[in-house]
């Protein structure tokens, strides 16, 4: 008998799917304390959670029989993905289960904000009749700027278009052709901020997107703009938003998510009359909860019964002997993708992948999945996984071409990736070190030796004396230790690249110092 533990509340529709399978035993035990879960998990083959259960490294270590973890929802911050992967446990989520729910909530917030519905409701229930006080605005013919045109952003766009709004979108991984086919104009973030009457954010929360809408961005916006966040708290800098509202730059805001949740009763956002707030209700519909329960039940059932793996955040090989060979290359491919996705400038149009050497005798589809996942991960985060990465890339108008060459060239086994964007073409090559660690060995025409891990500083510079000393001095003054350094150049005194692995996060101040150093042409921070 295959045993499944459901440790958070799950809709009956999902539970029924599992209970209807005679090979499965389903136990629902909610609100388990960590020690109780650690003891109980020893007996189970699968664990299904929502957001309350924290599947820590200790829990996973105690799970001697666990084969799969299913998360009924998108975020995986409550699951130690690395620990699960190391133990060969498949971790799956439901990235599309609440798409419609969140898109509808966002549209509701836009309408409520435009017509002062919450304020008018409160006033009227007090026995007041102040029609002139709650004069609203129409959304027809207004410009909606959507930051992040993934599943939810796309559904919001469809609804906004049906109201007669004009839709702009900023999404660095969406091609212009794909956006135009939906009736959406794709623009850069600066233009979106300058032209939009309404701005709604729909990106994951990452180091890059945290406070991506702050003082400088509010400064670019039209006077009277309205701002909506039903994505993740922290994308919009709340302090900067409050200031922009008080200064009259922002006419109103609608917030479903906050930097700290639950939001403090003392928060100034709750005291501003032209701010509409809800307590993180984006996915809180009966349909959404049923949808995620059904999806998580189906994917866990199918994985346990050997009927295929879907929505996997990690993707172990199925055959143990092949897995032993390809696992290090899957890791290499994903890290190459993450490195390349942050290095290349512009909107991605095509990925040309070349495999050469002895690995070409195997089915390398998992490596292609890993490359695509790595490229999309910095912006899509947990909504992209090994299984859906290629289809998500295609939805965004990115073509993927794969080829093999059995001929051994400079390296016994080599993965080559050429990225074509609307601005440039970059090529990155990777292989394994003798101890099977991932290494990037060539970028464009520069030979290098890069460990794609942690915090990296990528620099293009003129090959001049003093570069190393200047970099060391700047980083030393900012208490940033250099763990490794590699150089590549085409010819002496020409253009070169310098890549540093550092032990701590690079501050904006340190980055500016490097950018302003003599003979430095380009600087990027890459996080893997």
Protein backbone atom coordinates (compact mmCIF):
# COMPACT_ATOMS: atom_id res chain seq x y z
CA UNK A 1 0.00 0.00 0.00
CA UNK A 2 1.32 3.46 -0.97
CA UNK A 3 0.81 5.92 1.88
CA UNK A 4 0.11 9.65 1.44
CA UNK A 5 0.09 12.20 4.26
CA UNK A 6 -1.94 15.38 3.74
CA UNK A 7 -0.69 17.81 6.39
CA UNK A 8 -2.63 20.95 5.41
CA UNK A 9 -6.36 21.35 4.64
CA UNK A 10 -7.21 20.18 1.12
CA UNK A 11 -10.54 20.38 -0.68
CA UNK A 12 -12.60 17.20 -0.70
CA UNK A 13 -12.49 17.10 -4.50
CA UNK A 14 -8.72 16.57 -4.31
CA UNK A 15 -8.89 14.05 -1.49
CA UNK A 16 -11.48 12.01 -3.40
CA UNK A 17 -9.14 11.63 -6.38
CA UNK A 18 -6.58 9.99 -4.08
CA UNK A 19 -9.02 7.95 -2.03
CA UNK A 20 -10.58 6.47 -5.17
CA UNK A 21 -7.31 4.69 -5.99
CA UNK A 22 -7.19 1.34 -4.21
CA UNK A 23 -3.37 1.29 -4.13
CA UNK A 24 -3.28 4.52 -2.13
CA UNK A 25 -3.85 5.08 1.58
CA UNK A 26 -4.60 8.72 2.40
CA UNK A 27 -4.21 10.14 5.93
CA UNK A 28 -5.19 13.72 6.69
CA UNK A 29 -3.32 15.09 9.72
CA UNK A 30 -3.31 18.87 9.84
CA UNK A 31 -1.63 21.29 12.26
CA UNK A 32 1.17 18.86 13.13
CA UNK A 33 4.00 20.39 15.11
CA UNK A 34 7.46 20.01 13.50
CA UNK A 35 8.52 17.20 15.86
CA UNK A 36 5.24 15.33 15.31
CA UNK A 37 5.61 15.68 11.53
CA UNK A 38 9.22 14.53 11.73
CA UNK A 39 8.10 11.38 13.51
CA UNK A 40 5.05 10.75 11.31
CA UNK A 41 6.74 11.28 7.94
CA UNK A 42 8.82 8.11 8.32
CA UNK A 43 5.82 5.99 7.32
CA UNK A 44 4.80 7.86 4.17
CA UNK A 45 5.63 7.70 0.47
CA UNK A 46 4.22 11.14 -0.36
CA UNK A 47 3.42 14.40 1.42
CA UNK A 48 0.88 16.99 0.28
CA UNK A 49 1.06 20.49 1.76
CA UNK A 50 -0.19 24.00 1.20
CA UNK A 51 1.68 26.91 2.80
CA UNK A 52 1.36 26.16 6.53
CA UNK A 53 3.54 23.04 6.72
CA UNK A 54 7.27 23.79 6.62
CA UNK A 55 9.08 20.91 4.94
CA UNK A 56 12.54 21.57 6.33
CA UNK A 57 15.81 19.76 5.84
CA UNK A 58 15.25 17.92 9.13
CA UNK A 59 11.80 16.73 8.04
CA UNK A 60 13.20 15.50 4.73
CA UNK A 61 16.09 13.75 6.47
CA UNK A 62 13.57 11.83 8.59
CA UNK A 63 11.49 10.85 5.55
CA UNK A 64 13.02 7.46 4.84
CA UNK A 65 10.32 6.36 2.36
CA UNK A 66 9.30 9.69 0.84
CA UNK A 67 9.22 9.77 -2.96
CA UNK A 68 7.13 12.86 -3.71
CA UNK A 69 6.08 16.19 -2.18
CA UNK A 70 3.08 17.99 -3.66
CA UNK A 71 2.45 21.68 -2.97
CA UNK A 72 -1.15 22.82 -3.53
CA UNK A 73 -0.16 26.28 -4.73
CA UNK A 74 2.64 28.10 -6.53
CA UNK A 75 5.27 29.11 -3.98
CA UNK A 76 7.83 26.58 -2.76
CA UNK A 77 9.46 28.72 -0.10
CA UNK A 78 8.11 26.33 2.58
CA UNK A 79 9.88 23.32 1.01
CA UNK A 80 13.65 22.76 1.18
CA UNK A 81 14.02 22.01 -2.52
CA UNK A 82 17.75 21.37 -2.37
CA UNK A 83 17.43 18.81 0.44
CA UNK A 84 14.59 17.05 -1.39
CA UNK A 85 16.57 16.95 -4.64
CA UNK A 86 19.65 15.52 -2.93
CA UNK A 87 17.48 12.74 -1.54
CA UNK A 88 15.82 12.03 -4.90
CA UNK A 89 12.38 13.24 -3.80
CA UNK A 90 10.24 14.76 -6.56
CA UNK A 91 8.77 18.15 -5.58
CA UNK A 92 5.74 19.31 -7.56
CA UNK A 93 3.54 22.40 -7.39
CA UNK A 94 0.43 23.79 -9.11
CA UNK A 95 1.60 26.96 -10.88
CA UNK A 96 -1.60 27.64 -12.82
CA UNK A 97 -4.31 26.64 -10.33
CA UNK A 98 -5.06 30.19 -9.15
CA UNK A 99 -4.46 32.04 -12.43
CA UNK A 100 -8.06 33.03 -13.14
CA UNK A 101 -8.76 33.79 -9.49
CA UNK A 102 -5.86 36.24 -9.19
CA UNK A 103 -6.54 37.88 -12.56
CA UNK A 104 -10.19 38.43 -11.62
CA UNK A 105 -9.21 39.83 -8.22
CA UNK A 106 -6.81 42.26 -9.89
CA UNK A 107 -9.52 43.41 -12.29
CA UNK A 108 -11.88 43.83 -9.33
CA UNK A 109 -9.29 45.96 -7.57
CA UNK A 110 -8.88 48.17 -10.67
CA UNK A 111 -12.65 48.73 -10.81
CA UNK A 112 -13.00 49.29 -7.05
CA UNK A 113 -10.12 51.77 -7.14
CA UNK A 114 -11.59 53.64 -10.11
CA UNK A 115 -15.09 53.98 -8.71
CA UNK A 116 -14.29 54.32 -4.99
CA UNK A 117 -16.53 51.34 -4.25
CA UNK A 118 -15.14 50.38 -0.80
CA UNK A 119 -15.26 53.98 0.44
CA UNK A 120 -18.74 54.58 -0.95
CA UNK A 121 -19.98 51.33 0.55
CA UNK A 122 -18.73 52.27 4.03
CA UNK A 123 -20.19 55.77 3.77
CA UNK A 124 -23.59 54.61 2.54
CA UNK A 125 -23.88 51.99 5.28
CA UNK A 126 -23.34 54.78 7.81
CA UNK A 127 -26.52 56.38 6.49
CA UNK A 128 -24.68 59.01 4.44
CA UNK A 129 -25.56 59.95 0.85
CA UNK A 130 -22.47 61.74 -0.49
CA UNK A 131 -22.59 61.16 -4.23
CA UNK A 132 -20.24 64.01 -5.13
CA UNK A 133 -17.58 62.81 -2.70
CA UNK A 134 -17.10 59.54 -4.56
CA UNK A 135 -16.78 60.79 -8.14
CA UNK A 136 -14.91 58.08 -10.05
CA UNK A 137 -13.12 57.66 -13.37
CA UNK A 138 -13.81 55.37 -16.31
CA UNK A 139 -11.27 52.76 -17.29
CA UNK A 140 -12.40 52.81 -20.94
CA UNK A 141 -9.63 54.07 -23.24
CA UNK A 142 -7.19 54.26 -20.34
CA UNK A 143 -3.72 52.72 -20.55
CA UNK A 144 -3.00 49.72 -18.33
CA UNK A 145 0.66 48.86 -17.88
CA UNK A 146 1.27 45.26 -16.85
CA UNK A 147 4.69 44.42 -15.41
CA UNK A 148 5.17 40.69 -16.04
CA UNK A 149 3.03 39.07 -18.72
CA UNK A 150 2.95 35.48 -17.50
CA UNK A 151 -0.22 33.44 -17.02
CA UNK A 152 -1.88 35.89 -14.62
CA UNK A 153 -0.68 39.00 -16.44
CA UNK A 154 -1.99 37.60 -19.74
CA UNK A 155 -5.41 36.80 -18.24
CA UNK A 156 -5.58 40.32 -16.77
CA UNK A 157 -4.72 41.77 -20.19
CA UNK A 158 -7.59 39.87 -21.82
CA UNK A 159 -10.05 41.25 -19.28
CA UNK A 160 -8.70 44.79 -19.57
CA UNK A 161 -8.93 44.67 -23.37
CA UNK A 162 -12.58 43.62 -23.10
CA UNK A 163 -13.21 46.81 -21.10
CA UNK A 164 -11.71 48.88 -23.90
CA UNK A 165 -8.41 49.59 -22.15
CA UNK A 166 -5.15 49.90 -24.04
CA UNK A 167 -2.60 47.44 -22.67
CA UNK A 168 1.17 47.90 -22.45
CA UNK A 169 3.39 45.19 -21.03
CA UNK A 170 6.96 44.92 -19.82
CA UNK A 171 8.35 41.40 -19.80
CA UNK A 172 11.99 40.79 -20.80
CA UNK A 173 11.23 37.17 -21.75
CA UNK A 174 8.27 37.88 -24.03
CA UNK A 175 8.78 38.48 -27.73
CA UNK A 176 7.08 41.42 -29.44
CA UNK A 177 5.37 39.06 -31.86
CA UNK A 178 3.80 37.01 -29.04
CA UNK A 179 2.54 40.15 -27.30
CA UNK A 180 1.16 41.68 -30.48
CA UNK A 181 -0.79 38.50 -31.22
CA UNK A 182 -2.71 39.19 -27.98
CA UNK A 183 -3.33 42.84 -28.86
CA UNK A 184 -0.72 44.06 -26.38
CA UNK A 185 2.07 46.55 -27.00
CA UNK A 186 5.39 45.39 -25.55
CA UNK A 187 7.58 48.20 -24.18
CA UNK A 188 10.51 48.76 -21.87
CA UNK A 189 9.80 49.46 -18.20
CA UNK A 190 10.61 53.16 -18.42
CA UNK A 191 8.11 53.71 -21.24
CA UNK A 192 5.45 51.71 -19.42
CA UNK A 193 5.87 53.84 -16.31
CA UNK A 194 5.68 57.06 -18.32
CA UNK A 195 2.60 56.18 -20.41
CA UNK A 196 0.33 54.16 -18.10
CA UNK A 197 -2.78 55.40 -16.30
CA UNK A 198 -2.87 52.15 -14.29
CA UNK A 199 0.12 49.97 -13.40
CA UNK A 200 -0.29 46.38 -12.15
CA UNK A 201 2.67 44.21 -11.18
CA UNK A 202 2.69 40.45 -11.84
CA UNK A 203 6.24 39.21 -11.27
CA UNK A 204 7.68 36.88 -8.64
CA UNK A 205 9.55 38.51 -5.76
CA UNK A 206 13.29 38.18 -6.36
CA UNK A 207 16.37 40.22 -5.50
CA UNK A 208 15.93 41.90 -8.88
CA UNK A 209 12.22 42.69 -8.46
CA UNK A 210 12.26 43.72 -4.81
CA UNK A 211 11.33 47.42 -4.73
CA UNK A 212 11.43 47.54 -8.53
CA UNK A 213 8.73 50.21 -8.15
CA UNK A 214 10.26 52.81 -5.83
CA UNK A 215 10.98 56.55 -5.69
CA UNK A 216 12.74 56.74 -9.05
CA UNK A 217 9.98 54.80 -10.79
CA UNK A 218 7.20 56.88 -9.22
CA UNK A 219 9.08 59.93 -10.48
CA UNK A 220 8.64 58.71 -14.06
CA UNK A 221 4.89 58.12 -13.77
CA UNK A 222 2.04 60.36 -14.87
CA UNK A 223 0.40 62.54 -12.22
CA UNK A 224 -2.81 60.74 -11.23
CA UNK A 225 -1.59 57.21 -11.95
CA UNK A 226 -3.18 54.31 -10.07
CA UNK A 227 -1.06 51.38 -8.85
CA UNK A 228 -2.13 47.78 -8.13
CA UNK A 229 -0.23 44.90 -6.50
CA UNK A 230 -1.89 41.48 -6.32
CA UNK A 231 1.39 39.60 -6.89
CA UNK A 232 3.92 39.68 -4.06
CA UNK A 233 4.52 42.12 -1.24
CA UNK A 234 7.82 43.94 -1.65
CA UNK A 235 7.72 44.44 -5.42
CA UNK A 236 6.37 47.92 -4.68
CA UNK A 237 8.29 49.92 -2.09
CA UNK A 238 5.51 50.76 0.37
CA UNK A 239 7.34 53.74 1.87
CA UNK A 240 7.85 55.22 -1.59
CA UNK A 241 4.19 54.50 -2.48
CA UNK A 242 2.90 56.28 0.61
CA UNK A 243 5.06 59.31 -0.22
CA UNK A 244 3.86 59.34 -3.85
CA UNK A 245 0.22 59.21 -2.72
CA UNK A 246 0.69 62.02 -0.20
CA UNK A 247 2.50 64.13 -2.80
CA UNK A 248 -0.43 63.70 -5.20
CA UNK A 249 1.59 61.84 -7.84
CA UNK A 250 -0.39 58.64 -7.31
CA UNK A 251 -4.17 59.06 -7.29
CA UNK A 252 -4.75 55.75 -5.55
CA UNK A 253 -3.47 52.26 -4.93
CA UNK A 254 -4.99 48.81 -4.52
CA UNK A 255 -2.97 46.33 -2.47
CA UNK A 256 -3.70 42.66 -1.87
CA UNK A 257 -0.16 41.84 -0.70
CA UNK A 258 2.23 43.57 1.65
CA UNK A 259 5.90 43.61 2.58
CA UNK A 260 4.99 42.17 5.98
CA UNK A 261 1.92 39.99 6.37
CA UNK A 262 -0.37 40.25 8.14
CA UNK A 263 -0.07 43.98 7.57
CA UNK A 264 0.36 45.99 10.77
CA UNK A 265 -2.77 47.83 11.94
CA UNK A 266 -0.47 50.84 12.28
CA UNK A 267 0.54 50.80 8.62
CA UNK A 268 0.00 54.16 6.97
CA UNK A 269 -1.44 52.39 3.93
CA UNK A 270 -4.49 51.49 6.01
CA UNK A 271 -5.03 55.11 6.95
CA UNK A 272 -5.00 56.58 3.43
CA UNK A 273 -8.53 57.02 2.10
CA UNK A 274 -7.55 56.45 -1.54
CA UNK A 275 -5.93 53.05 -0.88
CA UNK A 276 -7.99 49.88 -1.31
CA UNK A 277 -6.69 46.88 0.63
CA UNK A 278 -7.55 43.19 0.89
CA UNK A 279 -5.87 40.48 3.03
CA UNK A 280 -4.05 38.45 0.33
CA UNK A 281 -7.21 37.17 -1.35
CA UNK A 282 -5.82 36.65 -4.87
CA UNK A 283 -6.21 32.87 -4.73
CA UNK A 284 -9.08 32.85 -2.25
CA UNK A 285 -11.95 31.58 -4.33
CA UNK A 286 -13.75 28.29 -3.96
CA UNK A 287 -12.83 27.44 -7.54
CA UNK A 288 -9.12 28.18 -7.08
CA UNK A 289 -8.88 26.07 -3.93
CA UNK A 290 -10.65 23.21 -5.66
CA UNK A 291 -8.45 23.60 -8.75
CA UNK A 292 -5.15 23.41 -6.86
CA UNK A 293 -6.44 20.48 -4.77
CA UNK A 294 -7.45 18.54 -7.90
CA UNK A 295 -4.19 19.29 -9.71
CA UNK A 296 -1.93 18.40 -6.76
CA UNK A 297 -3.87 15.18 -6.17
CA UNK A 298 -3.57 14.18 -9.83
CA UNK A 299 0.15 14.89 -10.14
CA UNK A 300 1.03 13.11 -6.89
CA UNK A 301 -1.17 10.13 -7.82
CA UNK A 302 0.38 9.83 -11.28
CA UNK A 303 3.95 10.18 -9.98
CA UNK A 304 3.43 7.46 -7.37
CA UNK A 305 1.78 5.09 -9.84
CA UNK A 306 4.47 5.58 -12.50
CA UNK A 307 2.18 7.41 -14.92
CA UNK A 308 4.49 10.36 -15.51
CA UNK A 309 5.82 13.42 -13.72
CA UNK A 310 4.22 16.85 -14.16
CA UNK A 311 4.93 20.25 -12.62
CA UNK A 312 8.18 19.02 -11.11
CA UNK A 313 10.33 21.74 -9.56
CA UNK A 314 13.20 19.24 -9.64
CA UNK A 315 13.52 16.48 -12.20
CA UNK A 316 15.48 13.35 -11.28
CA UNK A 317 16.15 10.81 -14.01
CA UNK A 318 13.90 7.79 -14.06
CA UNK A 319 16.52 5.11 -14.80
CA UNK A 320 19.10 4.90 -12.04
CA UNK A 321 22.07 4.04 -14.27
CA UNK A 322 21.33 6.85 -16.73
CA UNK A 323 20.59 9.21 -13.86
CA UNK A 324 24.05 8.66 -12.41
CA UNK A 325 25.60 9.76 -15.71
CA UNK A 326 23.29 12.65 -16.62
CA UNK A 327 22.59 14.21 -13.21
CA UNK A 328 25.79 16.33 -13.20
CA UNK A 329 25.01 17.51 -16.75
CA UNK A 330 21.42 18.42 -15.79
CA UNK A 331 22.90 20.53 -12.98
CA UNK A 332 25.40 22.08 -15.43
CA UNK A 333 22.67 22.85 -17.98
CA UNK A 334 20.42 24.56 -15.45
CA UNK A 335 23.25 26.71 -14.11
CA UNK A 336 24.39 27.59 -17.63
CA UNK A 337 20.84 28.69 -18.35
CA UNK A 338 20.66 30.85 -15.22
CA UNK A 339 24.02 32.44 -16.03
CA UNK A 340 23.12 33.04 -19.68
CA UNK A 341 19.65 34.38 -18.94
CA UNK A 342 21.13 37.10 -16.75
CA UNK A 343 24.02 37.84 -19.11
CA UNK A 344 22.20 38.36 -22.41
CA UNK A 345 20.55 41.71 -23.13
CA UNK A 346 17.23 42.11 -24.90
CA UNK A 347 14.16 39.97 -25.57
CA UNK A 348 14.98 36.34 -26.20
CA UNK A 349 14.10 35.11 -29.68
CA UNK A 350 15.99 31.84 -30.14
CA UNK A 351 18.07 29.28 -28.22
CA UNK A 352 20.45 27.13 -30.25
CA UNK A 353 21.71 24.23 -28.13
CA UNK A 354 24.55 21.96 -29.23
CA UNK A 355 25.63 18.81 -27.40
CA UNK A 356 28.92 17.15 -28.29
CA UNK A 357 30.95 14.22 -27.06
CA UNK A 358 30.07 10.94 -25.38
CA UNK A 359 26.85 12.22 -23.77
CA UNK A 360 25.19 12.39 -27.18
CA UNK A 361 24.45 8.64 -27.01
CA UNK A 362 21.75 9.41 -24.41
CA UNK A 363 18.37 11.11 -24.62
CA UNK A 364 19.30 14.67 -23.65
CA UNK A 365 15.79 16.13 -23.47
CA UNK A 366 16.19 16.63 -19.71
CA UNK A 367 19.25 18.80 -20.36
CA UNK A 368 17.29 20.97 -22.78
CA UNK A 369 14.53 21.26 -20.16
CA UNK A 370 17.15 22.26 -17.58
CA UNK A 371 18.63 24.93 -19.87
CA UNK A 372 15.21 26.42 -20.56
CA UNK A 373 14.30 26.32 -16.86
CA UNK A 374 17.55 28.02 -15.90
CA UNK A 375 17.06 30.80 -18.44
CA UNK A 376 13.48 31.54 -17.33
CA UNK A 377 13.99 31.03 -13.57
CA UNK A 378 15.47 34.44 -12.67
CA UNK A 379 12.21 36.16 -13.63
CA UNK A 380 9.54 33.43 -13.43
CA UNK A 381 10.86 31.77 -10.24
CA UNK A 382 8.67 28.90 -8.99
CA UNK A 383 6.15 29.21 -11.82
CA UNK A 384 8.68 27.55 -14.14
CA UNK A 385 9.83 23.95 -13.65
CA UNK A 386 11.60 21.24 -15.63
CA UNK A 387 8.38 20.00 -17.15
CA UNK A 388 6.82 23.28 -18.31
CA UNK A 389 9.98 25.27 -19.14
CA UNK A 390 10.03 24.47 -22.85
CA UNK A 391 6.31 25.13 -23.34
CA UNK A 392 6.61 28.41 -21.42
CA UNK A 393 9.51 29.45 -23.63
CA UNK A 394 7.49 28.69 -26.75
CA UNK A 395 4.48 30.59 -25.39
CA UNK A 396 6.76 33.59 -25.09
CA UNK A 397 7.86 33.29 -28.70
CA UNK A 398 11.29 31.79 -27.96
CA UNK A 399 12.39 29.18 -30.52
CA UNK A 400 14.49 26.27 -29.28
CA UNK A 401 16.76 24.31 -31.62
CA UNK A 402 18.76 21.30 -30.46
CA UNK A 403 21.57 19.44 -32.24
CA UNK A 404 24.12 16.74 -31.41
CA UNK A 405 27.66 16.08 -32.52
CA UNK A 406 29.41 12.87 -31.51
CA UNK A 407 32.76 14.34 -32.50
CA UNK A 408 34.97 15.21 -29.54
CA UNK A 409 36.37 18.72 -29.85
CA UNK A 410 38.23 20.66 -27.17
CA UNK A 411 36.37 18.89 -24.36
CA UNK A 412 35.22 15.30 -23.95
CA UNK A 413 31.65 16.48 -23.38
CA UNK A 414 30.43 19.97 -24.10
CA UNK A 415 27.14 21.87 -23.94
CA UNK A 416 26.95 24.90 -26.20
CA UNK A 417 24.23 27.52 -25.92
CA UNK A 418 23.75 30.40 -28.34
CA UNK A 419 21.15 32.98 -27.34
CA UNK A 420 19.72 35.32 -29.95
CA UNK A 421 17.82 38.37 -28.68
CA UNK A 422 16.48 41.46 -30.41
CA UNK A 423 19.71 43.21 -29.35
CA UNK A 424 22.56 40.70 -29.57
CA UNK A 425 23.78 37.13 -29.86
CA UNK A 426 25.75 35.54 -27.01
CA UNK A 427 27.30 32.09 -26.82
CA UNK A 428 28.16 30.17 -23.66
CA UNK A 429 29.84 26.77 -23.40
CA UNK A 430 29.98 24.49 -20.40
CA UNK A 431 31.41 21.17 -19.29
CA UNK A 432 32.23 19.28 -16.09
CA UNK A 433 35.45 19.50 -14.12
CA UNK A 434 37.27 16.22 -13.30
CA UNK A 435 35.27 16.01 -10.05
CA UNK A 436 32.00 16.52 -12.01
CA UNK A 437 31.43 20.12 -10.95
CA UNK A 438 29.81 22.50 -13.50
CA UNK A 439 32.15 24.85 -15.32
CA UNK A 440 31.59 27.53 -17.94
CA UNK A 441 34.62 27.34 -20.20
CA UNK A 442 33.89 29.82 -22.97
CA UNK A 443 31.82 33.00 -23.37
CA UNK A 444 31.60 34.24 -26.95
CA UNK A 445 35.26 34.13 -28.06
CA UNK A 446 36.75 34.29 -24.57
CA UNK A 447 38.09 31.16 -22.88
CA UNK A 448 37.38 31.17 -19.13
CA UNK A 449 37.08 28.85 -16.14
CA UNK A 450 33.95 29.86 -14.21
CA UNK A 451 32.19 28.06 -11.38
CA UNK A 452 28.52 29.08 -11.95
CA UNK A 453 27.47 29.29 -8.31
CA UNK A 454 26.50 31.98 -5.82
CA UNK A 455 27.20 35.65 -6.47
CA UNK A 456 29.24 36.49 -9.57
CA UNK A 457 30.42 39.78 -11.04
CA UNK A 458 30.74 39.74 -14.83
CA UNK A 459 32.95 42.53 -16.22
CA UNK A 460 33.92 43.45 -19.77
CA UNK A 461 37.01 45.62 -19.82
CA UNK A 462 40.01 46.72 -21.82
CA UNK A 463 43.00 44.48 -21.19
CA UNK A 464 45.11 46.99 -19.28
CA UNK A 465 47.38 46.79 -16.27
CA UNK A 466 45.90 47.77 -12.93
CA UNK A 467 42.45 46.24 -13.49
CA UNK A 468 42.95 43.49 -10.90
CA UNK A 469 44.35 45.88 -8.31
CA UNK A 470 41.50 48.36 -8.76
CA UNK A 471 38.85 45.66 -8.45
CA UNK A 472 40.48 44.22 -5.35
CA UNK A 473 40.68 47.65 -3.73
CA UNK A 474 37.02 48.49 -4.40
CA UNK A 475 35.70 45.15 -3.18
CA UNK A 476 37.99 45.21 -0.16
CA UNK A 477 36.67 48.62 0.88
CA UNK A 478 33.13 47.18 0.73
CA UNK A 479 34.11 44.04 2.72
CA UNK A 480 33.43 41.77 -0.26
CA UNK A 481 35.78 38.79 -0.38
CA UNK A 482 36.82 37.38 -3.76
CA UNK A 483 36.49 33.58 -3.77
CA UNK A 484 37.66 33.01 -7.35
CA UNK A 485 38.66 35.04 -10.38
CA UNK A 486 38.96 34.17 -14.06
CA UNK A 487 40.01 36.17 -17.12
CA UNK A 488 39.57 35.81 -20.86
CA UNK A 489 40.88 37.87 -23.75
CA UNK A 490 41.12 37.59 -27.52
CA UNK A 491 44.44 39.43 -27.82
CA UNK A 492 46.73 41.51 -25.59
CA UNK A 493 45.56 45.10 -25.04
CA UNK A 494 42.16 44.29 -26.60
CA UNK A 495 38.78 43.67 -25.04
CA UNK A 496 38.68 41.15 -22.21
CA UNK A 497 36.28 39.73 -19.66
CA UNK A 498 36.79 39.28 -15.94
CA UNK A 499 34.48 37.13 -13.83
CA UNK A 500 34.63 37.11 -10.03
CA UNK A 501 32.98 34.71 -7.59
CA UNK A 502 32.40 36.63 -4.37
CA UNK A 503 31.34 35.53 -0.90
CA UNK A 504 28.68 38.17 -0.21
CA UNK A 505 26.07 40.22 -1.99
CA UNK A 506 27.39 43.09 -4.10
CA UNK A 507 25.92 46.41 -3.00
CA UNK A 508 24.70 49.05 -5.44
CA UNK A 509 27.46 51.35 -4.17
CA UNK A 510 30.20 48.80 -4.91
CA UNK A 511 28.70 48.14 -8.34
CA UNK A 512 28.70 51.86 -9.18
CA UNK A 513 32.34 52.16 -8.12
CA UNK A 514 33.33 49.32 -10.45
CA UNK A 515 31.31 50.77 -13.34
CA UNK A 516 33.05 54.13 -12.97
CA UNK A 517 36.55 52.62 -12.88
CA UNK A 518 38.87 53.35 -15.80
CA UNK A 519 38.92 50.72 -18.61
CA UNK A 520 35.69 49.07 -17.40
CA UNK A 521 33.14 48.75 -20.22
CA UNK A 522 30.29 46.71 -18.70
CA UNK A 523 29.44 45.25 -15.29
CA UNK A 524 26.70 42.82 -14.30
CA UNK A 525 25.90 40.93 -11.12
CA UNK A 526 24.74 37.37 -11.78
CA UNK A 527 23.12 35.31 -9.02
CA UNK A 528 22.85 31.52 -9.22
